[in-house]
Protein backbone atom coordinates (compact mmCIF):
# COMPACT_ATOMS: atom_id res chain seq x y z
CA MET A 1 97.02 97.33 89.49
CA VAL A 2 97.24 100.77 87.87
CA VAL A 3 93.82 101.87 89.11
CA THR A 4 94.57 100.65 92.63
CA THR A 5 97.83 102.61 92.65
CA PHE A 6 96.07 105.77 91.48
CA VAL A 7 93.39 105.47 94.17
CA TRP A 8 95.98 104.77 96.87
CA LEU A 9 98.05 107.79 95.81
CA MET A 10 94.98 110.05 95.76
CA PHE A 11 93.96 109.25 99.31
CA SER A 12 97.27 108.40 100.99
CA ALA A 13 98.40 111.92 101.87
CA GLY A 14 95.02 113.58 102.35
CA SER A 15 94.72 117.08 100.91
CA THR A 16 98.48 117.67 100.76
CA GLU A 17 99.49 119.54 97.63
CA GLY A 18 102.16 118.33 95.26
CA ARG A 19 103.07 115.39 93.10
CA ARG A 20 103.14 111.84 94.45
CA LEU A 21 104.72 108.95 92.56
CA GLY A 22 103.67 105.32 92.82
CA TRP A 23 104.36 101.84 91.42
CA PHE A 24 108.12 102.28 91.37
CA GLY A 25 107.88 105.81 90.04
CA SER A 26 105.82 104.97 86.97
CA LEU A 27 102.52 106.69 87.90
CA PHE A 28 101.85 110.11 89.37
CA VAL A 29 99.01 111.96 91.06
CA GLU A 30 99.27 115.74 91.31
CA VAL A 31 97.09 117.84 93.61
CA ASP A 32 97.05 121.65 93.57
CA GLN A 33 94.86 124.29 95.21
CA ARG A 34 93.37 126.81 92.82
CA VAL A 35 92.72 130.51 93.47
CA ASP A 36 88.94 130.00 93.62
CA GLY A 37 89.33 127.50 96.49
CA SER A 38 88.82 124.33 94.47
CA ALA A 39 91.38 121.56 94.16
CA GLY A 40 92.87 120.36 90.90
CA LEU A 41 93.74 116.72 90.40
CA GLY A 42 95.97 115.33 87.70
CA VAL A 43 97.00 111.72 87.10
CA GLY A 44 99.31 110.26 84.52
CA LEU A 45 102.20 108.09 83.45
CA HIS A 46 105.64 109.26 84.55
CA ASP A 47 107.81 106.32 83.41
CA PRO A 48 106.39 103.31 81.53
CA LEU A 49 109.35 100.97 82.13
CA PRO A 50 108.20 99.58 85.53
CA LEU A 51 104.77 98.82 84.06
CA VAL A 52 106.30 97.00 81.09
CA VAL A 53 108.62 94.99 83.35
CA THR A 54 105.69 94.08 85.61
CA GLY A 55 103.64 92.94 82.61
CA VAL A 56 106.50 90.79 81.30
CA ILE A 57 107.01 89.19 84.72
CA ILE A 58 103.30 88.38 85.02
CA VAL A 59 103.22 86.81 81.54
CA VAL A 60 106.33 84.69 82.26
CA LEU A 61 104.87 83.48 85.56
CA LEU A 62 101.56 82.58 83.90
CA LEU A 63 103.36 80.66 81.16
CA ALA A 64 105.37 78.76 83.79
CA VAL A 65 102.19 77.84 85.68
CA PHE A 66 100.52 76.61 82.48
CA ALA A 67 103.61 74.57 81.55
CA VAL A 68 103.74 72.88 84.97
CA TYR A 69 99.98 72.23 84.79
CA ASP A 70 100.35 70.55 81.38
CA VAL A 71 103.21 68.35 82.65
CA LEU A 72 101.21 67.31 85.72
CA LEU A 73 98.11 66.62 83.64
CA GLU A 74 100.10 64.40 81.27
CA ARG A 75 101.68 62.57 84.21
CA ARG A 76 98.21 61.98 85.68
CA ARG A 77 97.00 60.52 82.37
CA GLN A 78 100.02 58.19 82.31
CA LEU A 79 99.38 57.02 85.86
CA LEU A 80 95.68 56.40 85.23
CA SER A 81 96.35 54.45 82.04
CA GLY A 82 98.86 52.22 83.82
CA THR A 83 101.77 52.86 81.45
CA ASP A 84 105.05 54.31 82.54
């Protein structure tokens, strides 16, 4: 997710100079033209909170999926054994 955001920010505005923020303002890509004609590229973390919140949401969703899977698996075992 982070790498995809960085790549999208790098190529989304072409060679436009300046700082671009992505993933709810948590990541940045900065492009600047140097005196010798080359371009400088900087990437980094601007605000870690959106990344932490995203990670927590993903973990909670995965735990919910595993919990539902366990309940369904147990119900299947009950149905196959013939007990209720």
